[in-house]
Amino acid sequence: MVEIYGLRNCDTCRKALKALPEARLVDVRADGMPADLAARAFEAFGARLLNTRSTTWRGLSEAERAAPALDLIASHPALMKRPLIVAGAQMFLGWSPATEAEVRAAL
């Protein structure tokens, strides 16, 4: 089972879902993301999991930005770099032709 964690209205997530029709989209804003999965993703990707280019990030105060990354993502799901793709035990972050090839190889 392939799960794509992201946002329904995110163009990149929609591209990934279109390329992987067998996948299920989990909207992190509406459905949330399990804390253990977030921790595993942070362990795998570190600071790359936090999207510091987003408008949500730019809207945060310096004090809010100083919070731990997992706390920020839990309170502001749009701060997560998208999509986070979970295929079995493997995780992939973002969407590009290289990521698509890696995901397909993992299936």
PDB file of N, CA and C in Angstrom:
ATOM      1  N   MET A   1       0.846  -1.188   0.000  1.00  0.00           N
ATOM      2  CA  MET A   1       0.000   0.000   0.000  1.00  0.00           C
ATOM      3  C   MET A   1       0.887   1.247   0.000  1.00  0.00           C
ATOM      4  N   VAL A   2       0.609   2.148  -0.891  1.00  0.00           N
ATOM      5  CA  VAL A   2       1.340   3.400  -0.981  1.00  0.00           C
ATOM      6  C   VAL A   2       0.433   4.510  -0.452  1.00  0.00           C
ATOM      7  N   GLU A   3       0.970   5.298   0.462  1.00  0.00           N
ATOM      8  CA  GLU A   3       0.222   6.424   0.995  1.00  0.00           C
ATOM      9  C   GLU A   3       0.996   7.702   0.716  1.00  0.00           C
ATOM     10  N   ILE A   4       0.265   8.703   0.273  1.00  0.00           N
ATOM     11  CA  ILE A   4       0.845  10.013   0.003  1.00  0.00           C
ATOM     12  C   ILE A   4       0.300  10.963   1.054  1.00  0.00           C
ATOM     13  N   TYR A   5       1.191  11.484   1.897  1.00  0.00           N
ATOM     14  CA  TYR A   5       0.799  12.447   2.919  1.00  0.00           C
ATOM     15  C   TYR A   5       1.060  13.840   2.367  1.00  0.00           C
ATOM     16  N   GLY A   6       0.024  14.641   2.322  1.00  0.00           N
ATOM     17  CA  GLY A   6       0.140  15.981   1.778  1.00  0.00           C
ATOM     18  C   GLY A   6      -1.173  16.720   1.944  1.00  0.00           C
ATOM     19  N   LEU A   7      -1.451  17.601   1.001  1.00  0.00           N
ATOM     20  CA  LEU A   7      -2.686  18.388   1.022  1.00  0.00           C
ATOM     21  C   LEU A   7      -3.460  18.151  -0.265  1.00  0.00           C
ATOM     22  N   ARG A   8      -4.763  18.036  -0.149  1.00  0.00           N
ATOM     23  CA  ARG A   8      -5.604  17.796  -1.335  1.00  0.00           C
ATOM     24  C   ARG A   8      -5.434  18.876  -2.390  1.00  0.00           C
ATOM     25  N   ASN A   9      -5.239  20.113  -1.973  1.00  0.00           N
ATOM     26  CA  ASN A   9      -5.159  21.205  -2.943  1.00  0.00           C
ATOM     27  C   ASN A   9      -3.725  21.518  -3.374  1.00  0.00           C
ATOM     28  N   CYS A  10      -2.767  20.674  -3.005  1.00  0.00           N
ATOM     29  CA  CYS A  10      -1.368  20.868  -3.385  1.00  0.00           C
ATOM     30  C   CYS A  10      -1.134  20.288  -4.776  1.00  0.00           C
ATOM     31  N   ASP A  11      -0.670  21.119  -5.702  1.00  0.00           N
ATOM     32  CA  ASP A  11      -0.430  20.664  -7.073  1.00  0.00           C
ATOM     33  C   ASP A  11       0.577  19.521  -7.130  1.00  0.00           C
ATOM     34  N   THR A  12       1.620  19.600  -6.335  1.00  0.00           N
ATOM     35  CA  THR A  12       2.640  18.552  -6.349  1.00  0.00           C
ATOM     36  C   THR A  12       2.073  17.230  -5.847  1.00  0.00           C
ATOM     37  N   CYS A  13       1.245  17.282  -4.831  1.00  0.00           N
ATOM     38  CA  CYS A  13       0.614  16.062  -4.314  1.00  0.00           C
ATOM     39  C   CYS A  13      -0.323  15.461  -5.356  1.00  0.00           C
ATOM     40  N   ARG A  14      -1.037  16.320  -6.066  1.00  0.00           N
ATOM     41  CA  ARG A  14      -1.941  15.825  -7.115  1.00  0.00           C
ATOM     42  C   ARG A  14      -1.163  15.168  -8.247  1.00  0.00           C
ATOM     43  N   LYS A  15       0.000  15.732  -8.599  1.00  0.00           N
ATOM     44  CA  LYS A  15       0.847  15.121  -9.634  1.00  0.00           C
ATOM     45  C   LYS A  15       1.311  13.736  -9.192  1.00  0.00           C
ATOM     46  N   ALA A  16       1.726  13.620  -7.943  1.00  0.00           N
ATOM     47  CA  ALA A  16       2.173  12.332  -7.420  1.00  0.00           C
ATOM     48  C   ALA A  16       1.028  11.324  -7.420  1.00  0.00           C
ATOM     49  N   LEU A  17      -0.157  11.756  -7.016  1.00  0.00           N
ATOM     50  CA  LEU A  17      -1.318  10.869  -6.978  1.00  0.00           C
ATOM     51  C   LEU A  17      -1.717  10.423  -8.381  1.00  0.00           C
ATOM     52  N   LYS A  18      -1.613  11.321  -9.343  1.00  0.00           N
ATOM     53  CA  LYS A  18      -1.939  10.967 -10.723  1.00  0.00           C
ATOM     54  C   LYS A  18      -0.940   9.939 -11.272  1.00  0.00           C
ATOM     55  N   ALA A  19       0.339  10.101 -10.917  1.00  0.00           N
ATOM     56  CA  ALA A  19       1.365   9.176 -11.387  1.00  0.00           C
ATOM     57  C   ALA A  19       1.311   7.841 -10.660  1.00  0.00           C
ATOM     58  N   LEU A  20       0.745   7.837  -9.461  1.00  0.00           N
ATOM     59  CA  LEU A  20       0.651   6.624  -8.647  1.00  0.00           C
ATOM     60  C   LEU A  20      -0.815   6.356  -8.314  1.00  0.00           C
ATOM     61  N   PRO A  21      -1.606   5.932  -9.293  1.00  0.00           N
ATOM     62  CA  PRO A  21      -3.050   5.785  -9.064  1.00  0.00           C
ATOM     63  C   PRO A  21      -3.398   4.753  -7.994  1.00  0.00           C
ATOM     64  N   GLU A  22      -2.481   3.861  -7.666  1.00  0.00           N
ATOM     65  CA  GLU A  22      -2.745   2.874  -6.623  1.00  0.00           C
ATOM     66  C   GLU A  22      -2.568   3.455  -5.225  1.00  0.00           C
ATOM     67  N   ALA A  23      -2.054   4.659  -5.152  1.00  0.00           N
ATOM     68  CA  ALA A  23      -1.780   5.296  -3.862  1.00  0.00           C
ATOM     69  C   ALA A  23      -3.044   5.922  -3.279  1.00  0.00           C
ATOM     70  N   ARG A  24      -2.978   6.132  -1.981  1.00  0.00           N
ATOM     71  CA  ARG A  24      -4.073   6.790  -1.252  1.00  0.00           C
ATOM     72  C   ARG A  24      -3.530   8.094  -0.692  1.00  0.00           C
ATOM     73  N   LEU A  25      -4.243   9.184  -0.946  1.00  0.00           N
ATOM     74  CA  LEU A  25      -3.836  10.490  -0.427  1.00  0.00           C
ATOM     75  C   LEU A  25      -4.398  10.684   0.979  1.00  0.00           C
ATOM     76  N   VAL A  26      -3.521  11.034   1.907  1.00  0.00           N
ATOM     77  CA  VAL A  26      -3.923  11.374   3.266  1.00  0.00           C
ATOM     78  C   VAL A  26      -3.704  12.874   3.413  1.00  0.00           C
ATOM     79  N   ASP A  27      -4.790  13.613   3.540  1.00  0.00           N
ATOM     80  CA  ASP A  27      -4.699  15.059   3.685  1.00  0.00           C
ATOM     81  C   ASP A  27      -4.305  15.369   5.124  1.00  0.00           C
ATOM     82  N   VAL A  28      -3.075  15.849   5.320  1.00  0.00           N
ATOM     83  CA  VAL A  28      -2.578  16.071   6.681  1.00  0.00           C
ATOM     84  C   VAL A  28      -3.302  17.209   7.383  1.00  0.00           C
ATOM     85  N   ARG A  29      -3.895  18.104   6.641  1.00  0.00           N
ATOM     86  CA  ARG A  29      -4.645  19.190   7.269  1.00  0.00           C
ATOM     87  C   ARG A  29      -5.979  18.660   7.806  1.00  0.00           C
ATOM     88  N   ALA A  30      -6.643  17.817   7.042  1.00  0.00           N
ATOM     89  CA  ALA A  30      -7.947  17.293   7.440  1.00  0.00           C
ATOM     90  C   ALA A  30      -7.834  16.059   8.333  1.00  0.00           C
ATOM     91  N   ASP A  31      -6.909  15.148   7.992  1.00  0.00           N
ATOM     92  CA  ASP A  31      -6.819  13.860   8.672  1.00  0.00           C
ATOM     93  C   ASP A  31      -5.671  13.761   9.665  1.00  0.00           C
ATOM     94  N   GLY A  32      -4.726  14.687   9.579  1.00  0.00           N
ATOM     95  CA  GLY A  32      -3.562  14.625  10.449  1.00  0.00           C
ATOM     96  C   GLY A  32      -2.577  13.561   9.993  1.00  0.00           C
ATOM     97  N   MET A  33      -1.477  13.480  10.702  1.00  0.00           N
ATOM     98  CA  MET A  33      -0.459  12.481  10.414  1.00  0.00           C
ATOM     99  C   MET A  33      -0.102  11.823  11.735  1.00  0.00           C
ATOM    100  N   PRO A  34      -0.033  10.491  11.764  1.00  0.00           N
ATOM    101  CA  PRO A  34       0.321   9.822  13.021  1.00  0.00           C
ATOM    102  C   PRO A  34       1.662  10.328  13.556  1.00  0.00           C
ATOM    103  N   ALA A  35       1.730  10.537  14.859  1.00  0.00           N
ATOM    104  CA  ALA A  35       2.944  11.073  15.483  1.00  0.00           C
ATOM    105  C   ALA A  35       4.151  10.173  15.239  1.00  0.00           C
ATOM    106  N   ASP A  36       3.935   8.857  15.260  1.00  0.00           N
ATOM    107  CA  ASP A  36       5.071   7.954  15.036  1.00  0.00           C
ATOM    108  C   ASP A  36       5.597   8.067  13.606  1.00  0.00           C
ATOM    109  N   LEU A  37       4.709   8.274  12.649  1.00  0.00           N
ATOM    110  CA  LEU A  37       5.140   8.459  11.264  1.00  0.00           C
ATOM    111  C   LEU A  37       5.892   9.775  11.106  1.00  0.00           C
ATOM    112  N   ALA A  38       5.408  10.820  11.734  1.00  0.00           N
ATOM    113  CA  ALA A  38       6.090  12.111  11.688  1.00  0.00           C
ATOM    114  C   ALA A  38       7.483  11.991  12.284  1.00  0.00           C
ATOM    115  N   ALA A  39       7.604  11.266  13.382  1.00  0.00           N
ATOM    116  CA  ALA A  39       8.912  11.078  14.014  1.00  0.00           C
ATOM    117  C   ALA A  39       9.854  10.284  13.110  1.00  0.00           C
ATOM    118  N   ARG A  40       9.334   9.230  12.477  1.00  0.00           N
ATOM    119  CA  ARG A  40      10.162   8.438  11.543  1.00  0.00           C
ATOM    120  C   ARG A  40      10.601   9.296  10.361  1.00  0.00           C
ATOM    121  N   ALA A  41       9.690  10.117   9.847  1.00  0.00           N
ATOM    122  CA  ALA A  41      10.017  10.978   8.710  1.00  0.00           C
ATOM    123  C   ALA A  41      11.068  12.006   9.108  1.00  0.00           C
ATOM    124  N   PHE A  42      10.933  12.565  10.308  1.00  0.00           N
ATOM    125  CA  PHE A  42      11.919  13.546  10.758  1.00  0.00           C
ATOM    126  C   PHE A  42      13.275  12.883  10.961  1.00  0.00           C
ATOM    127  N   GLU A  43      13.265  11.664  11.452  1.00  0.00           N
ATOM    128  CA  GLU A  43      14.521  10.922  11.628  1.00  0.00           C
ATOM    129  C   GLU A  43      15.186  10.670  10.277  1.00  0.00           C
ATOM    130  N   ALA A  44      14.374  10.375   9.269  1.00  0.00           N
ATOM    131  CA  ALA A  44      14.906  10.084   7.935  1.00  0.00           C
ATOM    132  C   ALA A  44      15.344  11.333   7.176  1.00  0.00           C
ATOM    133  N   PHE A  45      14.576  12.416   7.289  1.00  0.00           N
ATOM    134  CA  PHE A  45      14.815  13.597   6.450  1.00  0.00           C
ATOM    135  C   PHE A  45      15.313  14.824   7.206  1.00  0.00           C
ATOM    136  N   GLY A  46      15.215  14.806   8.516  1.00  0.00           N
ATOM    137  CA  GLY A  46      15.699  15.927   9.317  1.00  0.00           C
ATOM    138  C   GLY A  46      14.993  17.220   8.961  1.00  0.00           C
ATOM    139  N   ALA A  47      15.758  18.295   8.918  1.00  0.00           N
ATOM    140  CA  ALA A  47      15.210  19.631   8.676  1.00  0.00           C
ATOM    141  C   ALA A  47      14.559  19.767   7.308  1.00  0.00           C
ATOM    142  N   ARG A  48      14.879  18.879   6.374  1.00  0.00           N
ATOM    143  CA  ARG A  48      14.250  18.936   5.047  1.00  0.00           C
ATOM    144  C   ARG A  48      12.742  18.697   5.116  1.00  0.00           C
ATOM    145  N   LEU A  49      12.271  18.080   6.198  1.00  0.00           N
ATOM    146  CA  LEU A  49      10.835  17.821   6.342  1.00  0.00           C
ATOM    147  C   LEU A  49      10.042  19.108   6.541  1.00  0.00           C
ATOM    148  N   LEU A  50      10.706  20.153   6.990  1.00  0.00           N
ATOM    149  CA  LEU A  50      10.054  21.434   7.246  1.00  0.00           C
ATOM    150  C   LEU A  50      10.222  22.347   6.036  1.00  0.00           C
ATOM    151  N   ASN A  51       9.106  22.806   5.479  1.00  0.00           N
ATOM    152  CA  ASN A  51       9.132  23.663   4.291  1.00  0.00           C
ATOM    153  C   ASN A  51       9.265  25.119   4.729  1.00  0.00           C
ATOM    154  N   THR A  52      10.486  25.625   4.700  1.00  0.00           N
ATOM    155  CA  THR A  52      10.729  26.999   5.138  1.00  0.00           C
ATOM    156  C   THR A  52      10.540  28.015   4.015  1.00  0.00           C
ATOM    157  N   ARG A  53      10.059  27.562   2.866  1.00  0.00           N
ATOM    158  CA  ARG A  53       9.763  28.479   1.755  1.00  0.00           C
ATOM    159  C   ARG A  53       8.281  28.821   1.660  1.00  0.00           C
ATOM    160  N   SER A  54       7.480  28.188   2.490  1.00  0.00           N
ATOM    161  CA  SER A  54       6.029  28.337   2.376  1.00  0.00           C
ATOM    162  C   SER A  54       5.550  29.676   2.935  1.00  0.00           C
ATOM    163  N   THR A  55       4.370  30.063   2.499  1.00  0.00           N
ATOM    164  CA  THR A  55       3.765  31.283   3.029  1.00  0.00           C
ATOM    165  C   THR A  55       3.410  31.103   4.503  1.00  0.00           C
ATOM    166  N   THR A  56       3.102  29.872   4.887  1.00  0.00           N
ATOM    167  CA  THR A  56       2.817  29.606   6.300  1.00  0.00           C
ATOM    168  C   THR A  56       4.056  29.916   7.145  1.00  0.00           C
ATOM    169  N   TRP A  57       5.225  29.483   6.693  1.00  0.00           N
ATOM    170  CA  TRP A  57       6.474  29.748   7.405  1.00  0.00           C
ATOM    171  C   TRP A  57       6.730  31.252   7.510  1.00  0.00           C
ATOM    172  N   ARG A  58       6.550  31.937   6.406  1.00  0.00           N
ATOM    173  CA  ARG A  58       6.798  33.386   6.398  1.00  0.00           C
ATOM    174  C   ARG A  58       5.852  34.129   7.339  1.00  0.00           C
ATOM    175  N   GLY A  59       4.694  33.549   7.601  1.00  0.00           N
ATOM    176  CA  GLY A  59       3.725  34.173   8.483  1.00  0.00           C
ATOM    177  C   GLY A  59       3.985  33.930   9.964  1.00  0.00           C
ATOM    178  N   LEU A  60       4.937  33.052  10.284  1.00  0.00           N
ATOM    179  CA  LEU A  60       5.238  32.756  11.682  1.00  0.00           C
ATOM    180  C   LEU A  60       6.189  33.792  12.276  1.00  0.00           C
ATOM    181  N   SER A  61       6.026  34.041  13.543  1.00  0.00           N
ATOM    182  CA  SER A  61       6.959  34.937  14.242  1.00  0.00           C
ATOM    183  C   SER A  61       8.267  34.189  14.491  1.00  0.00           C
ATOM    184  N   GLU A  62       9.292  34.917  14.835  1.00  0.00           N
ATOM    185  CA  GLU A  62      10.588  34.303  15.150  1.00  0.00           C
ATOM    186  C   GLU A  62      10.452  33.326  16.319  1.00  0.00           C
ATOM    187  N   ALA A  63       9.648  33.689  17.291  1.00  0.00           N
ATOM    188  CA  ALA A  63       9.441  32.814  18.452  1.00  0.00           C
ATOM    189  C   ALA A  63       8.770  31.507  18.033  1.00  0.00           C
ATOM    190  N   GLU A  64       7.781  31.601  17.142  1.00  0.00           N
ATOM    191  CA  GLU A  64       7.102  30.390  16.660  1.00  0.00           C
ATOM    192  C   GLU A  64       8.057  29.526  15.844  1.00  0.00           C
ATOM    193  N   ARG A  65       8.888  30.144  15.035  1.00  0.00           N
ATOM    194  CA  ARG A  65       9.849  29.396  14.207  1.00  0.00           C
ATOM    195  C   ARG A  65      10.875  28.645  15.042  1.00  0.00           C
ATOM    196  N   ALA A  66      11.096  29.100  16.275  1.00  0.00           N
ATOM    197  CA  ALA A  66      12.082  28.464  17.147  1.00  0.00           C
ATOM    198  C   ALA A  66      11.577  27.149  17.754  1.00  0.00           C
ATOM    199  N   ALA A  67      10.296  26.856  17.603  1.00  0.00           N
ATOM    200  CA  ALA A  67       9.729  25.623  18.161  1.00  0.00           C
ATOM    201  C   ALA A  67      10.312  24.409  17.440  1.00  0.00           C
ATOM    202  N   PRO A  68      10.299  23.238  18.090  1.00  0.00           N
ATOM    203  CA  PRO A  68      10.766  22.015  17.428  1.00  0.00           C
ATOM    204  C   PRO A  68       9.965  21.747  16.149  1.00  0.00           C
ATOM    205  N   ALA A  69      10.649  21.229  15.144  1.00  0.00           N
ATOM    206  CA  ALA A  69      10.039  21.008  13.827  1.00  0.00           C
ATOM    207  C   ALA A  69       8.779  20.155  13.899  1.00  0.00           C
ATOM    208  N   LEU A  70       8.790  19.084  14.672  1.00  0.00           N
ATOM    209  CA  LEU A  70       7.613  18.214  14.744  1.00  0.00           C
ATOM    210  C   LEU A  70       6.427  18.927  15.397  1.00  0.00           C
ATOM    211  N   ASP A  71       6.704  19.791  16.349  1.00  0.00           N
ATOM    212  CA  ASP A  71       5.621  20.571  16.964  1.00  0.00           C
ATOM    213  C   ASP A  71       5.031  21.553  15.950  1.00  0.00           C
ATOM    214  N   LEU A  72       5.911  22.174  15.151  1.00  0.00           N
ATOM    215  CA  LEU A  72       5.435  23.102  14.120  1.00  0.00           C
ATOM    216  C   LEU A  72       4.567  22.387  13.096  1.00  0.00           C
ATOM    217  N   ILE A  73       4.997  21.217  12.656  1.00  0.00           N
ATOM    218  CA  ILE A  73       4.236  20.461  11.650  1.00  0.00           C
ATOM    219  C   ILE A  73       2.907  19.994  12.229  1.00  0.00           C
ATOM    220  N   ALA A  74       2.900  19.613  13.499  1.00  0.00           N
ATOM    221  CA  ALA A  74       1.648  19.176  14.130  1.00  0.00           C
ATOM    222  C   ALA A  74       0.645  20.323  14.212  1.00  0.00           C
ATOM    223  N   SER A  75       1.133  21.521  14.514  1.00  0.00           N
ATOM    224  CA  SER A  75       0.206  22.645  14.645  1.00  0.00           C
ATOM    225  C   SER A  75      -0.066  23.359  13.325  1.00  0.00           C
ATOM    226  N   HIS A  76       0.830  23.232  12.363  1.00  0.00           N
ATOM    227  CA  HIS A  76       0.672  23.848  11.040  1.00  0.00           C
ATOM    228  C   HIS A  76       1.033  22.807   9.966  1.00  0.00           C
ATOM    229  N   PRO A  77       0.117  21.895   9.625  1.00  0.00           N
ATOM    230  CA  PRO A  77       0.432  20.817   8.685  1.00  0.00           C
ATOM    231  C   PRO A  77       0.968  21.299   7.331  1.00  0.00           C
ATOM    232  N   ALA A  78       0.614  22.500   6.912  1.00  0.00           N
ATOM    233  CA  ALA A  78       1.090  23.011   5.625  1.00  0.00           C
ATOM    234  C   ALA A  78       2.593  23.272   5.635  1.00  0.00           C
ATOM    235  N   LEU A  79       3.217  23.229   6.803  1.00  0.00           N
ATOM    236  CA  LEU A  79       4.664  23.439   6.885  1.00  0.00           C
ATOM    237  C   LEU A  79       5.462  22.208   6.471  1.00  0.00           C
ATOM    238  N   MET A  80       4.795  21.070   6.353  1.00  0.00           N
ATOM    239  CA  MET A  80       5.501  19.859   5.946  1.00  0.00           C
ATOM    240  C   MET A  80       5.818  19.910   4.459  1.00  0.00           C
ATOM    241  N   LYS A  81       7.051  19.574   4.111  1.00  0.00           N
ATOM    242  CA  LYS A  81       7.395  19.468   2.691  1.00  0.00           C
ATOM    243  C   LYS A  81       6.541  18.358   2.117  1.00  0.00           C
ATOM    244  N   ARG A  82       6.025  18.599   0.929  1.00  0.00           N
ATOM    245  CA  ARG A  82       5.079  17.657   0.345  1.00  0.00           C
ATOM    246  C   ARG A  82       5.536  17.196  -1.024  1.00  0.00           C
ATOM    247  N   PRO A  83       5.083  16.015  -1.368  1.00  0.00           N
ATOM    248  CA  PRO A  83       4.420  15.001  -0.559  1.00  0.00           C
ATOM    249  C   PRO A  83       5.422  14.134   0.196  1.00  0.00           C
ATOM    250  N   LEU A  84       4.948  13.524   1.257  1.00  0.00           N
ATOM    251  CA  LEU A  84       5.686  12.479   1.953  1.00  0.00           C
ATOM    252  C   LEU A  84       5.039  11.184   1.488  1.00  0.00           C
ATOM    253  N   ILE A  85       5.815  10.354   0.806  1.00  0.00           N
ATOM    254  CA  ILE A  85       5.277   9.117   0.233  1.00  0.00           C
ATOM    255  C   ILE A  85       5.798   7.944   1.051  1.00  0.00           C
ATOM    256  N   VAL A  86       4.876   7.108   1.510  1.00  0.00           N
ATOM    257  CA  VAL A  86       5.229   5.931   2.288  1.00  0.00           C
ATOM    258  C   VAL A  86       4.848   4.703   1.465  1.00  0.00           C
ATOM    259  N   ALA A  87       5.867   3.922   1.126  1.00  0.00           N
ATOM    260  CA  ALA A  87       5.671   2.692   0.355  1.00  0.00           C
ATOM    261  C   ALA A  87       6.301   1.558   1.153  1.00  0.00           C
ATOM    262  N   GLY A  88       5.469   0.847   1.901  1.00  0.00           N
ATOM    263  CA  GLY A  88       6.004  -0.202   2.767  1.00  0.00           C
ATOM    264  C   GLY A  88       6.834   0.427   3.869  1.00  0.00           C
ATOM    265  N   ALA A  89       8.074  -0.025   3.994  1.00  0.00           N
ATOM    266  CA  ALA A  89       8.971   0.508   5.024  1.00  0.00           C
ATOM    267  C   ALA A  89       9.761   1.709   4.526  1.00  0.00           C
ATOM    268  N   GLN A  90       9.646   2.032   3.249  1.00  0.00           N
ATOM    269  CA  GLN A  90      10.417   3.129   2.677  1.00  0.00           C
ATOM    270  C   GLN A  90       9.606   4.421   2.643  1.00  0.00           C
ATOM    271  N   MET A  91      10.328   5.557   2.770  1.00  0.00           N
ATOM    272  CA  MET A  91       9.705   6.869   2.696  1.00  0.00           C
ATOM    273  C   MET A  91      10.461   7.728   1.694  1.00  0.00           C
ATOM    274  N   PHE A  92       9.715   8.568   1.014  1.00  0.00           N
ATOM    275  CA  PHE A  92      10.271   9.475   0.011  1.00  0.00           C
ATOM    276  C   PHE A  92       9.684  10.857   0.264  1.00  0.00           C
ATOM    277  N   LEU A  93      10.486  11.887   0.024  1.00  0.00           N
ATOM    278  CA  LEU A  93      10.043  13.243   0.294  1.00  0.00           C
ATOM    279  C   LEU A  93      10.133  14.076  -0.972  1.00  0.00           C
ATOM    280  N   GLY A  94       9.044  14.775  -1.295  1.00  0.00           N
ATOM    281  CA  GLY A  94       9.015  15.597  -2.493  1.00  0.00           C
ATOM    282  C   GLY A  94       8.598  14.785  -3.701  1.00  0.00           C
ATOM    283  N   TRP A  95       8.525  15.455  -4.841  1.00  0.00           N
ATOM    284  CA  TRP A  95       8.115  14.784  -6.073  1.00  0.00           C
ATOM    285  C   TRP A  95       8.931  15.328  -7.228  1.00  0.00           C
ATOM    286  N   SER A  96       9.615  14.439  -7.899  1.00  0.00           N
ATOM    287  CA  SER A  96      10.417  14.772  -9.070  1.00  0.00           C
ATOM    288  C   SER A  96      10.500  13.502  -9.904  1.00  0.00           C
ATOM    289  N   PRO A  97      11.000  13.590 -11.133  1.00  0.00           N
ATOM    290  CA  PRO A  97      11.166  12.365 -11.916  1.00  0.00           C
ATOM    291  C   PRO A  97      12.043  11.331 -11.199  1.00  0.00           C
ATOM    292  N   ALA A  98      13.071  11.793 -10.503  1.00  0.00           N
ATOM    293  CA  ALA A  98      13.943  10.862  -9.769  1.00  0.00           C
ATOM    294  C   ALA A  98      13.182  10.191  -8.629  1.00  0.00           C
ATOM    295  N   THR A  99      12.377  10.969  -7.916  1.00  0.00           N
ATOM    296  CA  THR A  99      11.585  10.390  -6.810  1.00  0.00           C
ATOM    297  C   THR A  99      10.578   9.390  -7.362  1.00  0.00           C
ATOM    298  N   GLU A 100       9.945   9.734  -8.479  1.00  0.00           N
ATOM    299  CA  GLU A 100       8.982   8.814  -9.087  1.00  0.00           C
ATOM    300  C   GLU A 100       9.651   7.487  -9.437  1.00  0.00           C
ATOM    301  N   ALA A 101      10.845   7.551 -10.002  1.00  0.00           N
ATOM    302  CA  ALA A 101      11.582   6.333 -10.368  1.00  0.00           C
ATOM    303  C   ALA A 101      11.919   5.513  -9.122  1.00  0.00           C
ATOM    304  N   GLU A 102      12.316   6.188  -8.034  1.00  0.00           N
ATOM    305  CA  GLU A 102      12.634   5.495  -6.793  1.00  0.00           C
ATOM    306  C   GLU A 102      11.409   4.821  -6.203  1.00  0.00           C
ATOM    307  N   VAL A 103      10.276   5.513  -6.223  1.00  0.00           N
ATOM    308  CA  VAL A 103       9.040   4.940  -5.691  1.00  0.00           C
ATOM    309  C   VAL A 103       8.631   3.731  -6.517  1.00  0.00           C
ATOM    310  N   ARG A 104       8.669   3.859  -7.814  1.00  0.00           N
ATOM    311  CA  ARG A 104       8.287   2.736  -8.684  1.00  0.00           C
ATOM    312  C   ARG A 104       9.210   1.536  -8.462  1.00  0.00           C
ATOM    313  N   ALA A 105      10.506   1.791  -8.268  1.00  0.00           N
ATOM    314  CA  ALA A 105      11.460   0.704  -8.010  1.00  0.00           C
ATOM    315  C   ALA A 105      11.153   0.022  -6.678  1.00  0.00           C
ATOM    316  N   ALA A 106      10.637   0.787  -5.711  1.00  0.00           N
ATOM    317  CA  ALA A 106      10.315   0.226  -4.399  1.00  0.00           C
ATOM    318  C   ALA A 106       9.050  -0.625  -4.434  1.00  0.00           C
ATOM    319  N   LEU A 107       8.217  -0.400  -5.443  1.00  0.00           N
ATOM    320  CA  LEU A 107       6.971  -1.169  -5.531  1.00  0.00           C
ATOM    321  C   LEU A 107       7.285  -2.474  -6.152  1.00  0.00           C
TER     322      LEU A 107
END
